[in-house]
Amino acid sequence: GKLAHLDGLNLSRAWMLEGIASALPAADRRLPALRTAAA
């Protein structure tokens, strides 16, 4: 159960990366890296 937490980490990281990206301007140069890591 504790080791399986990391599967949840991947899911929560994905939505957090998407959330962070949603708060940046469309021209922000960090968006590709954020979205690729989220995917």
All heavy atoms as atom14 arrays in JSON, in Angstrom:
{
  "sequence": "GKLAHLDGLNLSRAWMLEGIASALPAADRRLPALRTAAA",
  "atom14_mask": [
    [1, 1, 1, 1, 0, 0, 0, 0, 0, 0, 0, 0, 0, 0],
    [1, 1, 1, 1, 1, 1, 1, 1, 1, 0, 0, 0, 0, 0],
    [1, 1, 1, 1, 1, 1, 1, 1, 0, 0, 0, 0, 0, 0],
    [1, 1, 1, 1, 1, 0, 0, 0, 0, 0, 0, 0, 0, 0],
    [1, 1, 1, 1, 1, 1, 1, 1, 1, 1, 0, 0, 0, 0],
    [1, 1, 1, 1, 1, 1, 1, 1, 0, 0, 0, 0, 0, 0],
    [1, 1, 1, 1, 1, 1, 1, 1, 0, 0, 0, 0, 0, 0],
    [1, 1, 1, 1, 0, 0, 0, 0, 0, 0, 0, 0, 0, 0],
    [1, 1, 1, 1, 1, 1, 1, 1, 0, 0, 0, 0, 0, 0],
    [1, 1, 1, 1, 1, 1, 1, 1, 0, 0, 0, 0, 0, 0],
    [1, 1, 1, 1, 1, 1, 1, 1, 0, 0, 0, 0, 0, 0],
    [1, 1, 1, 1, 1, 1, 0, 0, 0, 0, 0, 0, 0, 0],
    [1, 1, 1, 1, 1, 1, 1, 1, 1, 1, 1, 0, 0, 0],
    [1, 1, 1, 1, 1, 0, 0, 0, 0, 0, 0, 0, 0, 0],
    [1, 1, 1, 1, 1, 1, 1, 1, 1, 1, 1, 1, 1, 1],
    [1, 1, 1, 1, 1, 1, 1, 1, 0, 0, 0, 0, 0, 0],
    [1, 1, 1, 1, 1, 1, 1, 1, 0, 0, 0, 0, 0, 0],
    [1, 1, 1, 1, 1, 1, 1, 1, 1, 0, 0, 0, 0, 0],
    [1, 1, 1, 1, 0, 0, 0, 0, 0, 0, 0, 0, 0, 0],
    [1, 1, 1, 1, 1, 1, 1, 1, 0, 0, 0, 0, 0, 0],
    [1, 1, 1, 1, 1, 0, 0, 0, 0, 0, 0, 0, 0, 0],
    [1, 1, 1, 1, 1, 1, 0, 0, 0, 0, 0, 0, 0, 0],
    [1, 1, 1, 1, 1, 0, 0, 0, 0, 0, 0, 0, 0, 0],
    [1, 1, 1, 1, 1, 1, 1, 1, 0, 0, 0, 0, 0, 0],
    [1, 1, 1, 1, 1, 1, 1, 0, 0, 0, 0, 0, 0, 0],
    [1, 1, 1, 1, 1, 0, 0, 0, 0, 0, 0, 0, 0, 0],
    [1, 1, 1, 1, 1, 0, 0, 0, 0, 0, 0, 0, 0, 0],
    [1, 1, 1, 1, 1, 1, 1, 1, 0, 0, 0, 0, 0, 0],
    [1, 1, 1, 1, 1, 1, 1, 1, 1, 1, 1, 0, 0, 0],
    [1, 1, 1, 1, 1, 1, 1, 1, 1, 1, 1, 0, 0, 0],
    [1, 1, 1, 1, 1, 1, 1, 1, 0, 0, 0, 0, 0, 0],
    [1, 1, 1, 1, 1, 1, 1, 0, 0, 0, 0, 0, 0, 0],
    [1, 1, 1, 1, 1, 0, 0, 0, 0, 0, 0, 0, 0, 0],
    [1, 1, 1, 1, 1, 1, 1, 1, 0, 0, 0, 0, 0, 0],
    [1, 1, 1, 1, 1, 1, 1, 1, 1, 1, 1, 0, 0, 0],
    [1, 1, 1, 1, 1, 1, 1, 0, 0, 0, 0, 0, 0, 0],
    [1, 1, 1, 1, 1, 0, 0, 0, 0, 0, 0, 0, 0, 0],
    [1, 1, 1, 1, 1, 0, 0, 0, 0, 0, 0, 0, 0, 0],
    [1, 1, 1, 1, 1, 0, 0, 0, 0, 0, 0, 0, 0, 0]
  ],
  "atom14_positions": [
    [[0.79, -1.22, 0.0], [0.0, 0.0, 0.0], [0.82, 1.27, 0.0], [0.45, 2.26, -0.65], [0.0, 0.0, 0.0], [0.0, 0.0, 0.0], [0.0, 0.0, 0.0], [0.0, 0.0, 0.0], [0.0, 0.0, 0.0], [0.0, 0.0, 0.0], [0.0, 0.0, 0.0], [0.0, 0.0, 0.0], [0.0, 0.0, 0.0], [0.0, 0.0, 0.0]],
    [[1.93, 1.29, 0.72], [2.76, 2.49, 0.76], [3.53, 2.68, -0.54], [3.63, 3.8, -1.06], [3.72, 2.42, 1.95], [3.06, 2.66, 3.3], [2.59, 4.11, 3.44], [2.14, 4.43, 4.85], [1.7, 5.83, 5.01], [0.0, 0.0, 0.0], [0.0, 0.0, 0.0], [0.0, 0.0, 0.0], [0.0, 0.0, 0.0], [0.0, 0.0, 0.0]],
    [[4.09, 1.6, -1.07], [4.81, 1.72, -2.34], [3.87, 2.11, -3.47], [4.26, 2.86, -4.38], [5.52, 0.41, -2.67], [6.62, -0.04, -1.69], [7.22, -1.37, -2.15], [7.71, 1.01, -1.55], [0.0, 0.0, 0.0], [0.0, 0.0, 0.0], [0.0, 0.0, 0.0], [0.0, 0.0, 0.0], [0.0, 0.0, 0.0], [0.0, 0.0, 0.0]],
    [[2.64, 1.65, -3.41], [1.66, 1.98, -4.45], [1.28, 3.46, -4.44], [0.66, 3.94, -5.4], [0.4, 1.12, -4.28], [0.0, 0.0, 0.0], [0.0, 0.0, 0.0], [0.0, 0.0, 0.0], [0.0, 0.0, 0.0], [0.0, 0.0, 0.0], [0.0, 0.0, 0.0], [0.0, 0.0, 0.0], [0.0, 0.0, 0.0], [0.0, 0.0, 0.0]],
    [[1.64, 4.18, -3.39], [1.4, 5.62, -3.38], [1.98, 6.31, -4.61], [1.45, 7.32, -5.08], [2.02, 6.24, -2.12], [1.14, 6.17, -0.92], [1.52, 6.72, 0.3], [-0.09, 5.63, -0.71], [0.56, 6.51, 1.2], [-0.41, 5.85, 0.6], [0.0, 0.0, 0.0], [0.0, 0.0, 0.0], [0.0, 0.0, 0.0], [0.0, 0.0, 0.0]],
    [[3.09, 5.79, -5.12], [3.74, 6.45, -6.25], [2.9, 6.43, -7.52], [3.04, 7.3, -8.38], [5.11, 5.82, -6.51], [6.17, 6.1, -5.43], [7.41, 5.26, -5.67], [6.52, 7.57, -5.38], [0.0, 0.0, 0.0], [0.0, 0.0, 0.0], [0.0, 0.0, 0.0], [0.0, 0.0, 0.0], [0.0, 0.0, 0.0], [0.0, 0.0, 0.0]],
    [[1.99, 5.45, -7.64], [1.05, 5.49, -8.76], [0.13, 6.71, -8.6], [-0.19, 7.39, -9.59], [0.21, 4.21, -8.81], [0.99, 3.02, -9.33], [1.9, 3.21, -10.17], [0.7, 1.88, -8.9], [0.0, 0.0, 0.0], [0.0, 0.0, 0.0], [0.0, 0.0, 0.0], [0.0, 0.0, 0.0], [0.0, 0.0, 0.0], [0.0, 0.0, 0.0]],
    [[-0.3, 6.97, -7.39], [-1.1, 8.16, -7.14], [-0.32, 9.44, -7.35], [-0.87, 10.46, -7.81], [0.0, 0.0, 0.0], [0.0, 0.0, 0.0], [0.0, 0.0, 0.0], [0.0, 0.0, 0.0], [0.0, 0.0, 0.0], [0.0, 0.0, 0.0], [0.0, 0.0, 0.0], [0.0, 0.0, 0.0], [0.0, 0.0, 0.0], [0.0, 0.0, 0.0]],
    [[0.96, 9.41, -7.02], [1.81, 10.58, -7.27], [1.82, 10.94, -8.75], [1.72, 12.12, -9.11], [3.24, 10.3, -6.8], [4.25, 11.41, -7.12], [4.13, 12.54, -6.13], [5.67, 10.86, -7.14], [0.0, 0.0, 0.0], [0.0, 0.0, 0.0], [0.0, 0.0, 0.0], [0.0, 0.0, 0.0], [0.0, 0.0, 0.0], [0.0, 0.0, 0.0]],
    [[1.93, 9.95, -9.6], [1.93, 10.25, -11.04], [0.62, 10.92, -11.47], [0.62, 11.86, -12.27], [2.17, 8.98, -11.84], [3.58, 8.45, -11.67], [4.51, 9.2, -11.36], [3.76, 7.15, -11.85], [0.0, 0.0, 0.0], [0.0, 0.0, 0.0], [0.0, 0.0, 0.0], [0.0, 0.0, 0.0], [0.0, 0.0, 0.0], [0.0, 0.0, 0.0]],
    [[-0.49, 10.45, -10.92], [-1.78, 11.05, -11.25], [-1.89, 12.47, -10.7], [-2.32, 13.39, -11.41], [-2.91, 10.18, -10.7], [-3.05, 8.79, -11.32], [-3.98, 7.92, -10.48], [-3.55, 8.88, -12.75], [0.0, 0.0, 0.0], [0.0, 0.0, 0.0], [0.0, 0.0, 0.0], [0.0, 0.0, 0.0], [0.0, 0.0, 0.0], [0.0, 0.0, 0.0]],
    [[-1.53, 12.67, -9.43], [-1.67, 14.01, -8.85], [-0.68, 14.98, -9.47], [-1.0, 16.16, -9.68], [-1.51, 13.96, -7.33], [-0.22, 13.54, -6.94], [0.0, 0.0, 0.0], [0.0, 0.0, 0.0], [0.0, 0.0, 0.0], [0.0, 0.0, 0.0], [0.0, 0.0, 0.0], [0.0, 0.0, 0.0], [0.0, 0.0, 0.0], [0.0, 0.0, 0.0]],
    [[0.52, 14.52, -9.78], [1.45, 15.4, -10.5], [0.86, 15.84, -11.83], [1.0, 17.0, -12.23], [2.77, 14.67, -10.75], [3.79, 14.76, -9.62], [5.07, 14.09, -10.07], [6.18, 14.29, -9.16], [7.4, 13.79, -9.36], [7.64, 13.06, -10.45], [8.37, 14.03, -8.52], [0.0, 0.0, 0.0], [0.0, 0.0, 0.0], [0.0, 0.0, 0.0]],
    [[0.23, 14.92, -12.54], [-0.34, 15.26, -13.84], [-1.36, 16.37, -13.71], [-1.33, 17.35, -14.48], [-0.97, 14.01, -14.48], [0.0, 0.0, 0.0], [0.0, 0.0, 0.0], [0.0, 0.0, 0.0], [0.0, 0.0, 0.0], [0.0, 0.0, 0.0], [0.0, 0.0, 0.0], [0.0, 0.0, 0.0], [0.0, 0.0, 0.0], [0.0, 0.0, 0.0]],
    [[-2.3, 16.26, -12.75], [-3.3, 17.32, -12.66], [-2.71, 18.61, -12.12], [-3.14, 19.7, -12.48], [-4.54, 16.88, -11.89], [-4.53, 16.94, -10.4], [-4.32, 18.03, -9.6], [-4.81, 15.85, -9.51], [-4.43, 17.68, -8.28], [-4.75, 16.36, -8.19], [-5.14, 14.51, -9.7], [-4.97, 15.56, -7.06], [-5.37, 13.72, -8.58], [-5.28, 14.24, -7.28]],
    [[-1.68, 18.53, -11.26], [-1.05, 19.75, -10.76], [-0.28, 20.46, -11.87], [-0.32, 21.7, -11.97], [-0.14, 19.41, -9.58], [-0.91, 19.01, -8.35], [0.15, 18.34, -7.05], [-1.1, 17.84, -5.85], [0.0, 0.0, 0.0], [0.0, 0.0, 0.0], [0.0, 0.0, 0.0], [0.0, 0.0, 0.0], [0.0, 0.0, 0.0], [0.0, 0.0, 0.0]],
    [[0.41, 19.71, -12.71], [1.11, 20.31, -13.85], [0.12, 20.98, -14.8], [0.37, 22.08, -15.31], [1.92, 19.24, -14.58], [3.15, 18.73, -13.84], [3.6, 17.39, -14.43], [4.3, 19.74, -13.88], [0.0, 0.0, 0.0], [0.0, 0.0, 0.0], [0.0, 0.0, 0.0], [0.0, 0.0, 0.0], [0.0, 0.0, 0.0], [0.0, 0.0, 0.0]],
    [[-1.02, 20.33, -15.02], [-2.04, 20.93, -15.87], [-2.61, 22.19, -15.22], [-2.89, 23.19, -15.9], [-3.15, 19.92, -16.16], [-2.72, 18.78, -17.06], [-3.82, 17.77, -17.3], [-4.93, 17.95, -16.77], [-3.58, 16.8, -18.05], [0.0, 0.0, 0.0], [0.0, 0.0, 0.0], [0.0, 0.0, 0.0], [0.0, 0.0, 0.0], [0.0, 0.0, 0.0]],
    [[-2.8, 22.14, -13.91], [-3.29, 23.32, -13.21], [-2.32, 24.48, -13.28], [-2.71, 25.63, -13.51], [0.0, 0.0, 0.0], [0.0, 0.0, 0.0], [0.0, 0.0, 0.0], [0.0, 0.0, 0.0], [0.0, 0.0, 0.0], [0.0, 0.0, 0.0], [0.0, 0.0, 0.0], [0.0, 0.0, 0.0], [0.0, 0.0, 0.0], [0.0, 0.0, 0.0]],
    [[-1.04, 24.19, -13.07], [-0.01, 25.23, -13.17], [-0.01, 25.83, -14.57], [0.04, 27.06, -14.75], [1.36, 24.64, -12.8], [1.39, 24.24, -11.32], [2.48, 25.64, -13.1], [2.53, 23.32, -10.96], [0.0, 0.0, 0.0], [0.0, 0.0, 0.0], [0.0, 0.0, 0.0], [0.0, 0.0, 0.0], [0.0, 0.0, 0.0], [0.0, 0.0, 0.0]],
    [[-0.07, 24.98, -15.58], [-0.07, 25.46, -16.96], [-1.28, 26.34, -17.24], [-1.19, 27.31, -18.0], [-0.04, 24.27, -17.92], [0.0, 0.0, 0.0], [0.0, 0.0, 0.0], [0.0, 0.0, 0.0], [0.0, 0.0, 0.0], [0.0, 0.0, 0.0], [0.0, 0.0, 0.0], [0.0, 0.0, 0.0], [0.0, 0.0, 0.0], [0.0, 0.0, 0.0]],
    [[-2.42, 26.03, -16.62], [-3.64, 26.8, -16.88], [-3.55, 28.23, -16.36], [-4.34, 29.08, -16.77], [-4.84, 26.1, -16.23], [-4.84, 26.28, -14.81], [0.0, 0.0, 0.0], [0.0, 0.0, 0.0], [0.0, 0.0, 0.0], [0.0, 0.0, 0.0], [0.0, 0.0, 0.0], [0.0, 0.0, 0.0], [0.0, 0.0, 0.0], [0.0, 0.0, 0.0]],
    [[-2.59, 28.5, -15.49], [-2.45, 29.82, -14.89], [-1.33, 30.64, -15.52], [-0.94, 31.67, -14.98], [-2.2, 29.69, -13.39], [0.0, 0.0, 0.0], [0.0, 0.0, 0.0], [0.0, 0.0, 0.0], [0.0, 0.0, 0.0], [0.0, 0.0, 0.0], [0.0, 0.0, 0.0], [0.0, 0.0, 0.0], [0.0, 0.0, 0.0], [0.0, 0.0, 0.0]],
    [[-0.8, 30.18, -16.67], [0.27, 30.88, -17.36], [-0.23, 31.46, -18.68], [-1.14, 30.9, -19.3], [1.44, 29.93, -17.63], [2.16, 29.38, -16.39], [3.22, 28.37, -16.81], [2.79, 30.51, -15.57], [0.0, 0.0, 0.0], [0.0, 0.0, 0.0], [0.0, 0.0, 0.0], [0.0, 0.0, 0.0], [0.0, 0.0, 0.0], [0.0, 0.0, 0.0]],
    [[0.36, 32.56, -19.12], [-0.04, 33.13, -20.41], [0.23, 32.16, -21.56], [1.12, 31.31, -21.49], [0.85, 34.38, -20.53], [1.32, 34.68, -19.15], [1.38, 33.36, -18.44], [0.0, 0.0, 0.0], [0.0, 0.0, 0.0], [0.0, 0.0, 0.0], [0.0, 0.0, 0.0], [0.0, 0.0, 0.0], [0.0, 0.0, 0.0], [0.0, 0.0, 0.0]],
    [[-0.52, 32.31, -22.64], [-0.41, 31.38, -23.76], [0.98, 31.37, -24.38], [1.38, 30.36, -24.97], [-1.45, 31.74, -24.82], [0.0, 0.0, 0.0], [0.0, 0.0, 0.0], [0.0, 0.0, 0.0], [0.0, 0.0, 0.0], [0.0, 0.0, 0.0], [0.0, 0.0, 0.0], [0.0, 0.0, 0.0], [0.0, 0.0, 0.0], [0.0, 0.0, 0.0]],
    [[1.72, 32.45, -24.26], [3.05, 32.52, -24.86], [4.16, 32.11, -23.91], [5.34, 32.19, -24.29], [3.31, 33.95, -25.37], [0.0, 0.0, 0.0], [0.0, 0.0, 0.0], [0.0, 0.0, 0.0], [0.0, 0.0, 0.0], [0.0, 0.0, 0.0], [0.0, 0.0, 0.0], [0.0, 0.0, 0.0], [0.0, 0.0, 0.0], [0.0, 0.0, 0.0]],
    [[3.82, 31.67, -22.71], [4.85, 31.32, -21.74], [5.68, 30.14, -22.26], [5.14, 29.11, -22.66], [4.21, 30.96, -20.4], [5.2, 30.94, -19.25], [6.09, 30.06, -19.25], [5.09, 31.79, -18.36], [0.0, 0.0, 0.0], [0.0, 0.0, 0.0], [0.0, 0.0, 0.0], [0.0, 0.0, 0.0], [0.0, 0.0, 0.0], [0.0, 0.0, 0.0]],
    [[6.99, 30.28, -22.23], [7.87, 29.28, -22.81], [7.96, 28.0, -21.97], [8.52, 27.0, -22.41], [9.27, 29.88, -23.0], [9.32, 30.97, -24.06], [10.67, 31.66, -24.08], [11.73, 30.71, -24.39], [13.02, 30.96, -24.16], [13.39, 32.09, -23.56], [13.93, 30.06, -24.49], [0.0, 0.0, 0.0], [0.0, 0.0, 0.0], [0.0, 0.0, 0.0]],
    [[7.41, 28.02, -20.77], [7.42, 26.82, -19.93], [6.28, 25.86, -20.25], [6.27, 24.71, -19.81], [7.35, 27.22, -18.45], [8.6, 27.92, -17.96], [8.37, 28.57, -16.6], [7.5, 29.74, -16.69], [7.33, 30.64, -15.74], [7.97, 30.5, -14.59], [6.52, 31.67, -15.89], [0.0, 0.0, 0.0], [0.0, 0.0, 0.0], [0.0, 0.0, 0.0]],
    [[5.31, 26.31, -21.0], [4.12, 25.49, -21.25], [4.43, 24.16, -21.91], [3.87, 23.12, -21.49], [3.09, 26.28, -22.05], [2.37, 27.39, -21.3], [1.48, 28.19, -22.24], [1.54, 26.82, -20.15], [0.0, 0.0, 0.0], [0.0, 0.0, 0.0], [0.0, 0.0, 0.0], [0.0, 0.0, 0.0], [0.0, 0.0, 0.0], [0.0, 0.0, 0.0]],
    [[5.26, 24.09, -22.94], [5.54, 22.78, -23.54], [6.1, 21.77, -22.54], [5.69, 20.6, -22.53], [6.54, 23.11, -24.66], [6.23, 24.52, -25.03], [5.89, 25.19, -23.73], [0.0, 0.0, 0.0], [0.0, 0.0, 0.0], [0.0, 0.0, 0.0], [0.0, 0.0, 0.0], [0.0, 0.0, 0.0], [0.0, 0.0, 0.0], [0.0, 0.0, 0.0]],
    [[7.05, 22.21, -21.69], [7.64, 21.29, -20.72], [6.61, 20.86, -19.69], [6.56, 19.68, -19.29], [8.83, 21.94, -20.04], [0.0, 0.0, 0.0], [0.0, 0.0, 0.0], [0.0, 0.0, 0.0], [0.0, 0.0, 0.0], [0.0, 0.0, 0.0], [0.0, 0.0, 0.0], [0.0, 0.0, 0.0], [0.0, 0.0, 0.0], [0.0, 0.0, 0.0]],
    [[5.77, 21.77, -19.23], [4.75, 21.43, -18.25], [3.75, 20.44, -18.85], [3.38, 19.45, -18.2], [4.02, 22.7, -17.79], [4.82, 23.65, -16.9], [4.1, 24.98, -16.78], [5.03, 23.04, -15.5], [0.0, 0.0, 0.0], [0.0, 0.0, 0.0], [0.0, 0.0, 0.0], [0.0, 0.0, 0.0], [0.0, 0.0, 0.0], [0.0, 0.0, 0.0]],
    [[3.31, 20.69, -20.06], [2.28, 19.83, -20.66], [2.84, 18.45, -21.03], [2.14, 17.44, -20.92], [1.7, 20.53, -21.88], [0.82, 21.71, -21.5], [0.43, 22.56, -22.68], [-0.5, 23.62, -22.28], [-0.71, 24.72, -22.99], [-0.08, 24.9, -24.15], [-1.56, 25.64, -22.57], [0.0, 0.0, 0.0], [0.0, 0.0, 0.0], [0.0, 0.0, 0.0]],
    [[4.09, 18.42, -21.47], [4.68, 17.13, -21.81], [4.89, 16.29, -20.55], [4.61, 15.09, -20.54], [6.02, 17.33, -22.54], [5.82, 18.15, -23.69], [6.61, 16.0, -22.98], [0.0, 0.0, 0.0], [0.0, 0.0, 0.0], [0.0, 0.0, 0.0], [0.0, 0.0, 0.0], [0.0, 0.0, 0.0], [0.0, 0.0, 0.0], [0.0, 0.0, 0.0]],
    [[5.37, 16.91, -19.48], [5.54, 16.19, -18.22], [4.19, 15.72, -17.69], [4.06, 14.61, -17.16], [6.24, 17.08, -17.19], [0.0, 0.0, 0.0], [0.0, 0.0, 0.0], [0.0, 0.0, 0.0], [0.0, 0.0, 0.0], [0.0, 0.0, 0.0], [0.0, 0.0, 0.0], [0.0, 0.0, 0.0], [0.0, 0.0, 0.0], [0.0, 0.0, 0.0]],
    [[3.17, 16.56, -17.83], [1.83, 16.16, -17.39], [1.34, 14.95, -18.15], [0.79, 13.99, -17.57], [0.86, 17.32, -17.56], [0.0, 0.0, 0.0], [0.0, 0.0, 0.0], [0.0, 0.0, 0.0], [0.0, 0.0, 0.0], [0.0, 0.0, 0.0], [0.0, 0.0, 0.0], [0.0, 0.0, 0.0], [0.0, 0.0, 0.0], [0.0, 0.0, 0.0]],
    [[1.54, 14.94, -19.47], [1.08, 13.82, -20.3], [1.82, 12.54, -19.94], [1.21, 11.45, -19.88], [1.29, 14.16, -21.77], [0.0, 0.0, 0.0], [0.0, 0.0, 0.0], [0.0, 0.0, 0.0], [0.0, 0.0, 0.0], [0.0, 0.0, 0.0], [0.0, 0.0, 0.0], [0.0, 0.0, 0.0], [0.0, 0.0, 0.0], [0.0, 0.0, 0.0]]
  ]
}
